[in-house]
């Protein structure tokens, strides 16, 4: 499995990143990977700009049927993203929201599924 990481910054949760790498038994790839990926970890903060644009950009290398894990600061933390903003942005970007879970002390993850491409 190839997982692309976008939006990493010094506030990203390194323990979570390491847990993902251990789970897939591989390193995360970045935006310069240049091939299709099975999933995207997208670190996103309220100050990062337009969420729809960020989600559309995250779809660039994602294989049809792949998932974007949108990682946002938990509600009440600096730069938290309003869950309503995610619910509004996802369908505009052509994604369906499936799951949201607390994944670390400071971060929540929302699973967004990309449409499948015809075979």
PDB file of N, CA and C in Angstrom:
ATOM      1  N   UNK A   1       0.847  -1.174   0.000  1.00  0.00           N
ATOM      2  CA  UNK A   1       0.000   0.000   0.000  1.00  0.00           C
ATOM      3  C   UNK A   1       0.890   1.234   0.000  1.00  0.00           C
ATOM      4  N   UNK A   2       0.540   2.202  -0.842  1.00  0.00           N
ATOM      5  CA  UNK A   2       1.280   3.454  -0.914  1.00  0.00           C
ATOM      6  C   UNK A   2       0.396   4.563  -0.348  1.00  0.00           C
ATOM      7  N   UNK A   3       0.915   5.260   0.669  1.00  0.00           N
ATOM      8  CA  UNK A   3       0.181   6.344   1.314  1.00  0.00           C
ATOM      9  C   UNK A   3       0.968   7.640   1.133  1.00  0.00           C
ATOM     10  N   UNK A   4       0.292   8.624   0.576  1.00  0.00           N
ATOM     11  CA  UNK A   4       0.893   9.936   0.341  1.00  0.00           C
ATOM     12  C   UNK A   4       0.525  10.871   1.492  1.00  0.00           C
ATOM     13  N   UNK A   5       1.497  11.643   1.944  1.00  0.00           N
ATOM     14  CA  UNK A   5       1.267  12.600   3.020  1.00  0.00           C
ATOM     15  C   UNK A   5       1.383  14.011   2.465  1.00  0.00           C
ATOM     16  N   UNK A   6       0.347  14.803   2.704  1.00  0.00           N
ATOM     17  CA  UNK A   6       0.331  16.191   2.259  1.00  0.00           C
ATOM     18  C   UNK A   6       0.044  17.094   3.450  1.00  0.00           C
ATOM     19  N   UNK A   7       0.592  18.266   3.460  1.00  0.00           N
ATOM     20  CA  UNK A   7       0.297  19.249   4.494  1.00  0.00           C
ATOM     21  C   UNK A   7       1.043  19.049   5.796  1.00  0.00           C
ATOM     22  N   UNK A   8       2.091  18.222   5.788  1.00  0.00           N
ATOM     23  CA  UNK A   8       2.867  18.020   7.007  1.00  0.00           C
ATOM     24  C   UNK A   8       3.455  19.347   7.451  1.00  0.00           C
ATOM     25  N   UNK A   9       3.507  19.561   8.756  1.00  0.00           N
ATOM     26  CA  UNK A   9       4.171  20.727   9.339  1.00  0.00           C
ATOM     27  C   UNK A   9       4.663  20.325  10.724  1.00  0.00           C
ATOM     28  N   UNK A  10       5.321  21.227  11.394  1.00  0.00           N
ATOM     29  CA  UNK A  10       5.917  20.909  12.693  1.00  0.00           C
ATOM     30  C   UNK A  10       4.880  20.531  13.745  1.00  0.00           C
ATOM     31  N   UNK A  11       3.620  20.903  13.536  1.00  0.00           N
ATOM     32  CA  UNK A  11       2.579  20.542  14.504  1.00  0.00           C
ATOM     33  C   UNK A  11       1.939  19.188  14.222  1.00  0.00           C
ATOM     34  N   UNK A  12       2.317  18.538  13.122  1.00  0.00           N
ATOM     35  CA  UNK A  12       1.773  17.219  12.799  1.00  0.00           C
ATOM     36  C   UNK A  12       2.198  16.210  13.868  1.00  0.00           C
ATOM     37  N   UNK A  13       1.401  15.192  14.050  1.00  0.00           N
ATOM     38  CA  UNK A  13       1.639  14.191  15.091  1.00  0.00           C
ATOM     39  C   UNK A  13       2.576  13.104  14.564  1.00  0.00           C
ATOM     40  N   UNK A  14       3.844  13.154  15.004  1.00  0.00           N
ATOM     41  CA  UNK A  14       4.828  12.192  14.513  1.00  0.00           C
ATOM     42  C   UNK A  14       4.525  10.763  14.960  1.00  0.00           C
ATOM     43  N   UNK A  15       3.947  10.587  16.144  1.00  0.00           N
ATOM     44  CA  UNK A  15       3.592   9.235  16.590  1.00  0.00           C
ATOM     45  C   UNK A  15       2.556   8.615  15.671  1.00  0.00           C
ATOM     46  N   UNK A  16       1.600   9.416  15.224  1.00  0.00           N
ATOM     47  CA  UNK A  16       0.592   8.929  14.289  1.00  0.00           C
ATOM     48  C   UNK A  16       1.227   8.575  12.951  1.00  0.00           C
ATOM     49  N   UNK A  17       2.124   9.418  12.478  1.00  0.00           N
ATOM     50  CA  UNK A  17       2.812   9.163  11.208  1.00  0.00           C
ATOM     51  C   UNK A  17       3.574   7.832  11.276  1.00  0.00           C
ATOM     52  N   UNK A  18       4.291   7.628  12.376  1.00  0.00           N
ATOM     53  CA  UNK A  18       5.075   6.397  12.551  1.00  0.00           C
ATOM     54  C   UNK A  18       4.151   5.186  12.622  1.00  0.00           C
ATOM     55  N   UNK A  19       3.019   5.330  13.305  1.00  0.00           N
ATOM     56  CA  UNK A  19       2.060   4.223  13.396  1.00  0.00           C
ATOM     57  C   UNK A  19       1.529   3.840  12.009  1.00  0.00           C
ATOM     58  N   UNK A  20       1.272   4.835  11.164  1.00  0.00           N
ATOM     59  CA  UNK A  20       0.806   4.547   9.794  1.00  0.00           C
ATOM     60  C   UNK A  20       1.908   3.828   9.020  1.00  0.00           C
ATOM     61  N   UNK A  21       3.139   4.327   9.112  1.00  0.00           N
ATOM     62  CA  UNK A  21       4.251   3.686   8.404  1.00  0.00           C
ATOM     63  C   UNK A  21       4.448   2.248   8.889  1.00  0.00           C
ATOM     64  N   UNK A  22       4.328   2.028  10.190  1.00  0.00           N
ATOM     65  CA  UNK A  22       4.449   0.657  10.716  1.00  0.00           C
ATOM     66  C   UNK A  22       3.330  -0.229  10.173  1.00  0.00           C
ATOM     67  N   UNK A  23       2.129   0.328  10.110  1.00  0.00           N
ATOM     68  CA  UNK A  23       0.960  -0.441   9.644  1.00  0.00           C
ATOM     69  C   UNK A  23       1.096  -0.863   8.177  1.00  0.00           C
ATOM     70  N   UNK A  24       1.597   0.051   7.338  1.00  0.00           N
ATOM     71  CA  UNK A  24       1.730  -0.261   5.910  1.00  0.00           C
ATOM     72  C   UNK A  24       3.091  -0.864   5.581  1.00  0.00           C
ATOM     73  N   UNK A  25       3.983  -0.900   6.570  1.00  0.00           N
ATOM     74  CA  UNK A  25       5.335  -1.433   6.405  1.00  0.00           C
ATOM     75  C   UNK A  25       6.079  -0.736   5.259  1.00  0.00           C
ATOM     76  N   UNK A  26       5.948   0.585   5.227  1.00  0.00           N
ATOM     77  CA  UNK A  26       6.610   1.397   4.200  1.00  0.00           C
ATOM     78  C   UNK A  26       6.634   2.841   4.675  1.00  0.00           C
ATOM     79  N   UNK A  27       7.479   3.640   4.025  1.00  0.00           N
ATOM     80  CA  UNK A  27       7.513   5.072   4.306  1.00  0.00           C
ATOM     81  C   UNK A  27       6.356   5.764   3.604  1.00  0.00           C
ATOM     82  N   UNK A  28       5.897   6.867   4.172  1.00  0.00           N
ATOM     83  CA  UNK A  28       4.927   7.720   3.492  1.00  0.00           C
ATOM     84  C   UNK A  28       5.632   8.411   2.337  1.00  0.00           C
ATOM     85  N   UNK A  29       4.907   8.663   1.250  1.00  0.00           N
ATOM     86  CA  UNK A  29       5.475   9.389   0.111  1.00  0.00           C
ATOM     87  C   UNK A  29       4.928  10.805   0.124  1.00  0.00           C
ATOM     88  N   UNK A  30       5.625  11.712  -0.551  1.00  0.00           N
ATOM     89  CA  UNK A  30       5.185  13.108  -0.559  1.00  0.00           C
ATOM     90  C   UNK A  30       4.564  13.475  -1.904  1.00  0.00           C
ATOM     91  N   UNK A  31       4.310  14.754  -2.093  1.00  0.00           N
ATOM     92  CA  UNK A  31       3.636  15.241  -3.303  1.00  0.00           C
ATOM     93  C   UNK A  31       4.462  15.001  -4.566  1.00  0.00           C
ATOM     94  N   UNK A  32       5.764  14.810  -4.431  1.00  0.00           N
ATOM     95  CA  UNK A  32       6.634  14.606  -5.594  1.00  0.00           C
ATOM     96  C   UNK A  32       6.747  13.141  -6.008  1.00  0.00           C
ATOM     97  N   UNK A  33       5.970  12.269  -5.410  1.00  0.00           N
ATOM     98  CA  UNK A  33       6.057  10.829  -5.663  1.00  0.00           C
ATOM     99  C   UNK A  33       5.913  10.494  -7.145  1.00  0.00           C
ATOM    100  N   UNK A  34       4.931  11.081  -7.819  1.00  0.00           N
ATOM    101  CA  UNK A  34       4.805  10.912  -9.263  1.00  0.00           C
ATOM    102  C   UNK A  34       4.123   9.643  -9.739  1.00  0.00           C
ATOM    103  N   UNK A  35       3.400   8.964  -8.873  1.00  0.00           N
ATOM    104  CA  UNK A  35       2.680   7.765  -9.274  1.00  0.00           C
ATOM    105  C   UNK A  35       1.378   7.724  -8.484  1.00  0.00           C
ATOM    106  N   UNK A  36       0.509   6.759  -8.788  1.00  0.00           N
ATOM    107  CA  UNK A  36      -0.755   6.681  -8.056  1.00  0.00           C
ATOM    108  C   UNK A  36      -0.512   6.168  -6.641  1.00  0.00           C
ATOM    109  N   UNK A  37      -1.398   6.591  -5.738  1.00  0.00           N
ATOM    110  CA  UNK A  37      -1.319   6.174  -4.337  1.00  0.00           C
ATOM    111  C   UNK A  37      -2.659   5.586  -3.919  1.00  0.00           C
ATOM    112  N   UNK A  38      -2.617   4.734  -2.906  1.00  0.00           N
ATOM    113  CA  UNK A  38      -3.832   4.070  -2.421  1.00  0.00           C
ATOM    114  C   UNK A  38      -4.613   4.922  -1.430  1.00  0.00           C
ATOM    115  N   UNK A  39      -3.907   5.801  -0.725  1.00  0.00           N
ATOM    116  CA  UNK A  39      -4.543   6.660   0.277  1.00  0.00           C
ATOM    117  C   UNK A  39      -3.712   7.923   0.444  1.00  0.00           C
ATOM    118  N   UNK A  40      -4.362   8.956   0.953  1.00  0.00           N
ATOM    119  CA  UNK A  40      -3.694  10.228   1.226  1.00  0.00           C
ATOM    120  C   UNK A  40      -3.969  10.621   2.668  1.00  0.00           C
ATOM    121  N   UNK A  41      -2.905  10.994   3.389  1.00  0.00           N
ATOM    122  CA  UNK A  41      -3.045  11.644   4.690  1.00  0.00           C
ATOM    123  C   UNK A  41      -2.900  13.129   4.434  1.00  0.00           C
ATOM    124  N   UNK A  42      -3.967  13.871   4.652  1.00  0.00           N
ATOM    125  CA  UNK A  42      -3.954  15.307   4.394  1.00  0.00           C
ATOM    126  C   UNK A  42      -4.075  16.050   5.721  1.00  0.00           C
ATOM    127  N   UNK A  43      -2.959  16.622   6.189  1.00  0.00           N
ATOM    128  CA  UNK A  43      -2.962  17.450   7.389  1.00  0.00           C
ATOM    129  C   UNK A  43      -3.538  18.796   7.001  1.00  0.00           C
ATOM    130  N   UNK A  44      -4.612  19.227   7.681  1.00  0.00           N
ATOM    131  CA  UNK A  44      -5.282  20.477   7.287  1.00  0.00           C
ATOM    132  C   UNK A  44      -5.662  21.286   8.520  1.00  0.00           C
ATOM    133  N   UNK A  45      -5.333  22.563   8.456  1.00  0.00           N
ATOM    134  CA  UNK A  45      -5.659  23.484   9.533  1.00  0.00           C
ATOM    135  C   UNK A  45      -6.545  24.590   8.987  1.00  0.00           C
ATOM    136  N   UNK A  46      -7.315  25.211   9.846  1.00  0.00           N
ATOM    137  CA  UNK A  46      -8.231  26.268   9.419  1.00  0.00           C
ATOM    138  C   UNK A  46      -7.507  27.363   8.647  1.00  0.00           C
ATOM    139  N   UNK A  47      -6.257  27.639   8.981  1.00  0.00           N
ATOM    140  CA  UNK A  47      -5.500  28.706   8.325  1.00  0.00           C
ATOM    141  C   UNK A  47      -4.901  28.289   6.974  1.00  0.00           C
ATOM    142  N   UNK A  48      -5.112  27.037   6.570  1.00  0.00           N
ATOM    143  CA  UNK A  48      -4.475  26.531   5.350  1.00  0.00           C
ATOM    144  C   UNK A  48      -5.154  26.966   4.054  1.00  0.00           C
ATOM    145  N   UNK A  49      -6.251  27.692   4.142  1.00  0.00           N
ATOM    146  CA  UNK A  49      -6.899  28.169   2.922  1.00  0.00           C
ATOM    147  C   UNK A  49      -8.200  27.452   2.639  1.00  0.00           C
ATOM    148  N   UNK A  50      -8.513  27.334   1.352  1.00  0.00           N
ATOM    149  CA  UNK A  50      -9.783  26.761   0.920  1.00  0.00           C
ATOM    150  C   UNK A  50      -9.717  25.233   0.970  1.00  0.00           C
ATOM    151  N   UNK A  51     -10.545  24.633   1.801  1.00  0.00           N
ATOM    152  CA  UNK A  51     -10.537  23.185   1.976  1.00  0.00           C
ATOM    153  C   UNK A  51     -10.909  22.453   0.693  1.00  0.00           C
ATOM    154  N   UNK A  52     -11.851  22.978  -0.073  1.00  0.00           N
ATOM    155  CA  UNK A  52     -12.223  22.322  -1.333  1.00  0.00           C
ATOM    156  C   UNK A  52     -10.999  22.210  -2.244  1.00  0.00           C
ATOM    157  N   UNK A  53     -10.244  23.301  -2.374  1.00  0.00           N
ATOM    158  CA  UNK A  53      -9.030  23.270  -3.199  1.00  0.00           C
ATOM    159  C   UNK A  53      -8.036  22.239  -2.671  1.00  0.00           C
ATOM    160  N   UNK A  54      -7.876  22.183  -1.348  1.00  0.00           N
ATOM    161  CA  UNK A  54      -6.964  21.208  -0.753  1.00  0.00           C
ATOM    162  C   UNK A  54      -7.380  19.781  -1.038  1.00  0.00           C
ATOM    163  N   UNK A  55      -8.680  19.521  -0.955  1.00  0.00           N
ATOM    164  CA  UNK A  55      -9.179  18.170  -1.230  1.00  0.00           C
ATOM    165  C   UNK A  55      -9.021  17.801  -2.704  1.00  0.00           C
ATOM    166  N   UNK A  56      -9.320  18.734  -3.588  1.00  0.00           N
ATOM    167  CA  UNK A  56      -9.161  18.481  -5.027  1.00  0.00           C
ATOM    168  C   UNK A  56      -7.694  18.199  -5.347  1.00  0.00           C
ATOM    169  N   UNK A  57      -6.787  18.974  -4.749  1.00  0.00           N
ATOM    170  CA  UNK A  57      -5.356  18.724  -4.954  1.00  0.00           C
ATOM    171  C   UNK A  57      -4.954  17.348  -4.437  1.00  0.00           C
ATOM    172  N   UNK A  58      -5.545  16.923  -3.321  1.00  0.00           N
ATOM    173  CA  UNK A  58      -5.220  15.620  -2.741  1.00  0.00           C
ATOM    174  C   UNK A  58      -5.680  14.469  -3.633  1.00  0.00           C
ATOM    175  N   UNK A  59      -6.640  14.725  -4.503  1.00  0.00           N
ATOM    176  CA  UNK A  59      -7.135  13.696  -5.424  1.00  0.00           C
ATOM    177  C   UNK A  59      -6.193  13.438  -6.598  1.00  0.00           C
ATOM    178  N   UNK A  60      -5.221  14.322  -6.814  1.00  0.00           N
ATOM    179  CA  UNK A  60      -4.358  14.264  -7.994  1.00  0.00           C
ATOM    180  C   UNK A  60      -3.765  12.889  -8.238  1.00  0.00           C
ATOM    181  N   UNK A  61      -3.155  12.283  -7.224  1.00  0.00           N
ATOM    182  CA  UNK A  61      -2.474  10.993  -7.395  1.00  0.00           C
ATOM    183  C   UNK A  61      -3.259   9.816  -6.834  1.00  0.00           C
ATOM    184  N   UNK A  62      -4.444  10.081  -6.291  1.00  0.00           N
ATOM    185  CA  UNK A  62      -5.219   9.032  -5.626  1.00  0.00           C
ATOM    186  C   UNK A  62      -5.887   8.108  -6.631  1.00  0.00           C
ATOM    187  N   UNK A  63      -5.694   6.816  -6.434  1.00  0.00           N
ATOM    188  CA  UNK A  63      -6.319   5.819  -7.294  1.00  0.00           C
ATOM    189  C   UNK A  63      -7.840   5.864  -7.077  1.00  0.00           C
ATOM    190  N   UNK A  64      -8.596   5.591  -8.134  1.00  0.00           N
ATOM    191  CA  UNK A  64     -10.044   5.548  -8.010  1.00  0.00           C
ATOM    192  C   UNK A  64     -10.457   4.573  -6.916  1.00  0.00           C
ATOM    193  N   UNK A  65     -11.372   5.003  -6.050  1.00  0.00           N
ATOM    194  CA  UNK A  65     -11.785   4.174  -4.935  1.00  0.00           C
ATOM    195  C   UNK A  65     -10.890   4.308  -3.712  1.00  0.00           C
ATOM    196  N   UNK A  66      -9.837   5.109  -3.819  1.00  0.00           N
ATOM    197  CA  UNK A  66      -8.939   5.331  -2.687  1.00  0.00           C
ATOM    198  C   UNK A  66      -9.574   6.267  -1.669  1.00  0.00           C
ATOM    199  N   UNK A  67      -8.892   6.448  -0.557  1.00  0.00           N
ATOM    200  CA  UNK A  67      -9.428   7.280   0.517  1.00  0.00           C
ATOM    201  C   UNK A  67      -8.465   8.391   0.891  1.00  0.00           C
ATOM    202  N   UNK A  68      -9.047   9.522   1.260  1.00  0.00           N
ATOM    203  CA  UNK A  68      -8.289  10.622   1.842  1.00  0.00           C
ATOM    204  C   UNK A  68      -8.618  10.624   3.326  1.00  0.00           C
ATOM    205  N   UNK A  69      -7.584  10.594   4.149  1.00  0.00           N
ATOM    206  CA  UNK A  69      -7.762  10.768   5.586  1.00  0.00           C
ATOM    207  C   UNK A  69      -7.421  12.216   5.884  1.00  0.00           C
ATOM    208  N   UNK A  70      -8.457  13.008   6.119  1.00  0.00           N
ATOM    209  CA  UNK A  70      -8.301  14.434   6.416  1.00  0.00           C
ATOM    210  C   UNK A  70      -8.020  14.583   7.903  1.00  0.00           C
ATOM    211  N   UNK A  71      -6.810  14.991   8.229  1.00  0.00           N
ATOM    212  CA  UNK A  71      -6.385  15.143   9.616  1.00  0.00           C
ATOM    213  C   UNK A  71      -6.481  16.611   9.998  1.00  0.00           C
ATOM    214  N   UNK A  72      -7.319  16.903  10.988  1.00  0.00           N
ATOM    215  CA  UNK A  72      -7.545  18.286  11.412  1.00  0.00           C
ATOM    216  C   UNK A  72      -7.386  18.385  12.932  1.00  0.00           C
ATOM    217  N   UNK A  73      -6.954  19.555  13.416  1.00  0.00           N
ATOM    218  CA  UNK A  73      -6.880  19.723  14.869  1.00  0.00           C
ATOM    219  C   UNK A  73      -8.261  19.511  15.481  1.00  0.00           C
ATOM    220  N   UNK A  74      -8.291  18.872  16.646  1.00  0.00           N
ATOM    221  CA  UNK A  74      -9.562  18.632  17.330  1.00  0.00           C
ATOM    222  C   UNK A  74     -10.249  19.955  17.658  1.00  0.00           C
ATOM    223  N   UNK A  75     -11.569  19.905  17.759  1.00  0.00           N
ATOM    224  CA  UNK A  75     -12.352  21.075  18.135  1.00  0.00           C
ATOM    225  C   UNK A  75     -11.810  21.610  19.455  1.00  0.00           C
ATOM    226  N   UNK A  76     -11.633  22.931  19.517  1.00  0.00           N
ATOM    227  CA  UNK A  76     -11.099  23.573  20.708  1.00  0.00           C
ATOM    228  C   UNK A  76      -9.593  23.785  20.646  1.00  0.00           C
ATOM    229  N   UNK A  77      -8.916  23.138  19.703  1.00  0.00           N
ATOM    230  CA  UNK A  77      -7.475  23.324  19.539  1.00  0.00           C
ATOM    231  C   UNK A  77      -7.238  24.472  18.552  1.00  0.00           C
ATOM    232  N   UNK A  78      -6.064  25.107  18.610  1.00  0.00           N
ATOM    233  CA  UNK A  78      -5.759  26.151  17.625  1.00  0.00           C
ATOM    234  C   UNK A  78      -5.876  25.617  16.196  1.00  0.00           C
ATOM    235  N   UNK A  79      -6.462  26.421  15.328  1.00  0.00           N
ATOM    236  CA  UNK A  79      -6.638  26.094  13.899  1.00  0.00           C
ATOM    237  C   UNK A  79      -7.565  24.916  13.641  1.00  0.00           C
ATOM    238  N   UNK A  80      -8.453  24.600  14.586  1.00  0.00           N
ATOM    239  CA  UNK A  80      -9.439  23.534  14.377  1.00  0.00           C
ATOM    240  C   UNK A  80     -10.318  23.890  13.178  1.00  0.00           C
ATOM    241  N   UNK A  81     -10.717  22.871  12.451  1.00  0.00           N
ATOM    242  CA  UNK A  81     -11.596  23.035  11.298  1.00  0.00           C
ATOM    243  C   UNK A  81     -13.008  22.643  11.727  1.00  0.00           C
ATOM    244  N   UNK A  82     -13.957  23.508  11.468  1.00  0.00           N
ATOM    245  CA  UNK A  82     -15.347  23.238  11.840  1.00  0.00           C
ATOM    246  C   UNK A  82     -15.838  22.003  11.073  1.00  0.00           C
ATOM    247  N   UNK A  83     -16.398  21.012  11.768  1.00  0.00           N
ATOM    248  CA  UNK A  83     -16.914  19.819  11.081  1.00  0.00           C
ATOM    249  C   UNK A  83     -17.914  20.157   9.972  1.00  0.00           C
ATOM    250  N   UNK A  84     -18.666  21.241  10.128  1.00  0.00           N
ATOM    251  CA  UNK A  84     -19.607  21.655   9.080  1.00  0.00           C
ATOM    252  C   UNK A  84     -18.864  22.057   7.810  1.00  0.00           C
ATOM    253  N   UNK A  85     -17.669  22.632   7.963  1.00  0.00           N
ATOM    254  CA  UNK A  85     -16.866  22.994   6.790  1.00  0.00           C
ATOM    255  C   UNK A  85     -16.428  21.751   6.029  1.00  0.00           C
ATOM    256  N   UNK A  86     -16.089  20.694   6.765  1.00  0.00           N
ATOM    257  CA  UNK A  86     -15.708  19.432   6.116  1.00  0.00           C
ATOM    258  C   UNK A  86     -16.916  18.832   5.394  1.00  0.00           C
ATOM    259  N   UNK A  87     -18.054  18.812   6.078  1.00  0.00           N
ATOM    260  CA  UNK A  87     -19.277  18.254   5.488  1.00  0.00           C
ATOM    261  C   UNK A  87     -19.686  19.013   4.233  1.00  0.00           C
ATOM    262  N   UNK A  88     -19.422  20.309   4.189  1.00  0.00           N
ATOM    263  CA  UNK A  88     -19.753  21.116   3.023  1.00  0.00           C
ATOM    264  C   UNK A  88     -18.731  20.952   1.898  1.00  0.00           C
ATOM    265  N   UNK A  89     -17.450  20.885   2.242  1.00  0.00           N
ATOM    266  CA  UNK A  89     -16.385  20.842   1.239  1.00  0.00           C
ATOM    267  C   UNK A  89     -16.287  19.487   0.540  1.00  0.00           C
ATOM    268  N   UNK A  90     -16.500  18.412   1.271  1.00  0.00           N
ATOM    269  CA  UNK A  90     -16.304  17.072   0.699  1.00  0.00           C
ATOM    270  C   UNK A  90     -17.121  16.833  -0.573  1.00  0.00           C
ATOM    271  N   UNK A  91     -18.446  17.030  -0.560  1.00  0.00           N
ATOM    272  CA  UNK A  91     -19.196  16.754  -1.794  1.00  0.00           C
ATOM    273  C   UNK A  91     -18.846  17.705  -2.935  1.00  0.00           C
ATOM    274  N   UNK A  92     -18.475  18.941  -2.609  1.00  0.00           N
ATOM    275  CA  UNK A  92     -18.063  19.871  -3.663  1.00  0.00           C
ATOM    276  C   UNK A  92     -16.819  19.344  -4.365  1.00  0.00           C
ATOM    277  N   UNK A  93     -15.927  18.699  -3.592  1.00  0.00           N
ATOM    278  CA  UNK A  93     -14.704  18.122  -4.157  1.00  0.00           C
ATOM    279  C   UNK A  93     -14.955  16.749  -4.774  1.00  0.00           C
ATOM    280  N   UNK A  94     -16.195  16.266  -4.701  1.00  0.00           N
ATOM    281  CA  UNK A  94     -16.525  14.969  -5.280  1.00  0.00           C
ATOM    282  C   UNK A  94     -16.229  13.802  -4.356  1.00  0.00           C
ATOM    283  N   UNK A  95     -16.231  14.054  -3.057  1.00  0.00           N
ATOM    284  CA  UNK A  95     -15.910  13.029  -2.069  1.00  0.00           C
ATOM    285  C   UNK A  95     -17.103  12.768  -1.162  1.00  0.00           C
ATOM    286  N   UNK A  96     -17.128  11.579  -0.579  1.00  0.00           N
ATOM    287  CA  UNK A  96     -18.138  11.229   0.404  1.00  0.00           C
ATOM    288  C   UNK A  96     -17.463  11.036   1.753  1.00  0.00           C
ATOM    289  N   UNK A  97     -18.033  11.643   2.774  1.00  0.00           N
ATOM    290  CA  UNK A  97     -17.513  11.505   4.125  1.00  0.00           C
ATOM    291  C   UNK A  97     -18.057  10.221   4.734  1.00  0.00           C
ATOM    292  N   UNK A  98     -17.156   9.378   5.290  1.00  0.00           N
ATOM    293  CA  UNK A  98     -17.621   8.112   5.844  1.00  0.00           C
ATOM    294  C   UNK A  98     -17.425   7.989   7.352  1.00  0.00           C
ATOM    295  N   UNK A  99     -16.279   8.376   7.872  1.00  0.00           N
ATOM    296  CA  UNK A  99     -15.941   8.148   9.269  1.00  0.00           C
ATOM    297  C   UNK A  99     -15.159   9.330   9.814  1.00  0.00           C
ATOM    298  N   UNK A 100     -15.383   9.648  11.085  1.00  0.00           N
ATOM    299  CA  UNK A 100     -14.542  10.610  11.786  1.00  0.00           C
ATOM    300  C   UNK A 100     -14.167   9.997  13.127  1.00  0.00           C
ATOM    301  N   UNK A 101     -12.882  10.110  13.478  1.00  0.00           N
ATOM    302  CA  UNK A 101     -12.412   9.525  14.731  1.00  0.00           C
ATOM    303  C   UNK A 101     -11.284  10.355  15.313  1.00  0.00           C
ATOM    304  N   UNK A 102     -11.171  10.346  16.626  1.00  0.00           N
ATOM    305  CA  UNK A 102     -10.017  10.947  17.289  1.00  0.00           C
ATOM    306  C   UNK A 102      -8.845   9.995  17.099  1.00  0.00           C
ATOM    307  N   UNK A 103      -7.744  10.486  16.548  1.00  0.00           N
ATOM    308  CA  UNK A 103      -6.613   9.607  16.262  1.00  0.00           C
ATOM    309  C   UNK A 103      -5.385   9.911  17.108  1.00  0.00           C
ATOM    310  N   UNK A 104      -5.415  11.038  17.820  1.00  0.00           N
ATOM    311  CA  UNK A 104      -4.336  11.367  18.747  1.00  0.00           C
ATOM    312  C   UNK A 104      -4.853  12.423  19.714  1.00  0.00           C
ATOM    313  N   UNK A 105      -3.996  12.876  20.588  1.00  0.00           N
ATOM    314  CA  UNK A 105      -4.387  13.855  21.596  1.00  0.00           C
ATOM    315  C   UNK A 105      -4.910  15.143  20.950  1.00  0.00           C
ATOM    316  N   UNK A 106      -4.314  15.551  19.836  1.00  0.00           N
ATOM    317  CA  UNK A 106      -4.650  16.837  19.231  1.00  0.00           C
ATOM    318  C   UNK A 106      -5.327  16.757  17.869  1.00  0.00           C
ATOM    319  N   UNK A 107      -5.412  15.575  17.276  1.00  0.00           N
ATOM    320  CA  UNK A 107      -5.883  15.466  15.893  1.00  0.00           C
ATOM    321  C   UNK A 107      -7.069  14.515  15.751  1.00  0.00           C
ATOM    322  N   UNK A 108      -7.966  14.881  14.841  1.00  0.00           N
ATOM    323  CA  UNK A 108      -9.072  14.023  14.419  1.00  0.00           C
ATOM    324  C   UNK A 108      -8.849  13.656  12.957  1.00  0.00           C
ATOM    325  N   UNK A 109      -9.383  12.525  12.557  1.00  0.00           N
ATOM    326  CA  UNK A 109      -9.276  12.088  11.164  1.00  0.00           C
ATOM    327  C   UNK A 109     -10.669  11.861  10.602  1.00  0.00           C
ATOM    328  N   UNK A 110     -10.892  12.379   9.420  1.00  0.00           N
ATOM    329  CA  UNK A 110     -12.139  12.161   8.701  1.00  0.00           C
ATOM    330  C   UNK A 110     -11.804  11.411   7.418  1.00  0.00           C
ATOM    331  N   UNK A 111     -12.445  10.267   7.230  1.00  0.00           N
ATOM    332  CA  UNK A 111     -12.199   9.468   6.024  1.00  0.00           C
ATOM    333  C   UNK A 111     -13.132   9.947   4.925  1.00  0.00           C
ATOM    334  N   UNK A 112     -12.538  10.313   3.808  1.00  0.00           N
ATOM    335  CA  UNK A 112     -13.270  10.770   2.632  1.00  0.00           C
ATOM    336  C   UNK A 112     -12.957   9.818   1.482  1.00  0.00           C
ATOM    337  N   UNK A 113     -13.993   9.341   0.822  1.00  0.00           N
ATOM    338  CA  UNK A 113     -13.808   8.356  -0.231  1.00  0.00           C
ATOM    339  C   UNK A 113     -13.979   9.007  -1.589  1.00  0.00           C
ATOM    340  N   UNK A 114     -13.021   8.752  -2.454  1.00  0.00           N
ATOM    341  CA  UNK A 114     -13.069   9.270  -3.813  1.00  0.00           C
ATOM    342  C   UNK A 114     -13.974   8.380  -4.664  1.00  0.00           C
ATOM    343  N   UNK A 115     -14.572   8.963  -5.678  1.00  0.00           N
ATOM    344  CA  UNK A 115     -15.418   8.144  -6.567  1.00  0.00           C
ATOM    345  C   UNK A 115     -14.554   7.107  -7.307  1.00  0.00           C
ATOM    346  N   UNK A 116     -15.137   5.962  -7.552  1.00  0.00           N
ATOM    347  CA  UNK A 116     -14.435   4.942  -8.327  1.00  0.00           C
ATOM    348  C   UNK A 116     -14.423   5.334  -9.787  1.00  0.00           C
ATOM    349  N   UNK A 117     -13.303   5.043 -10.443  1.00  0.00           N
ATOM    350  CA  UNK A 117     -13.229   5.338 -11.864  1.00  0.00           C
ATOM    351  C   UNK A 117     -13.693   4.111 -12.643  1.00  0.00           C
ATOM    352  N   UNK A 118     -14.370   4.315 -13.767  1.00  0.00           N
ATOM    353  CA  UNK A 118     -14.840   3.167 -14.552  1.00  0.00           C
ATOM    354  C   UNK A 118     -13.659   2.326 -15.050  1.00  0.00           C
ATOM    355  N   UNK A 119     -13.850   1.049 -15.068  1.00  0.00           N
ATOM    356  CA  UNK A 119     -12.767   0.126 -15.505  1.00  0.00           C
ATOM    357  C   UNK A 119     -12.649   0.117 -17.005  1.00  0.00           C
TER     358      UNK A 119
END
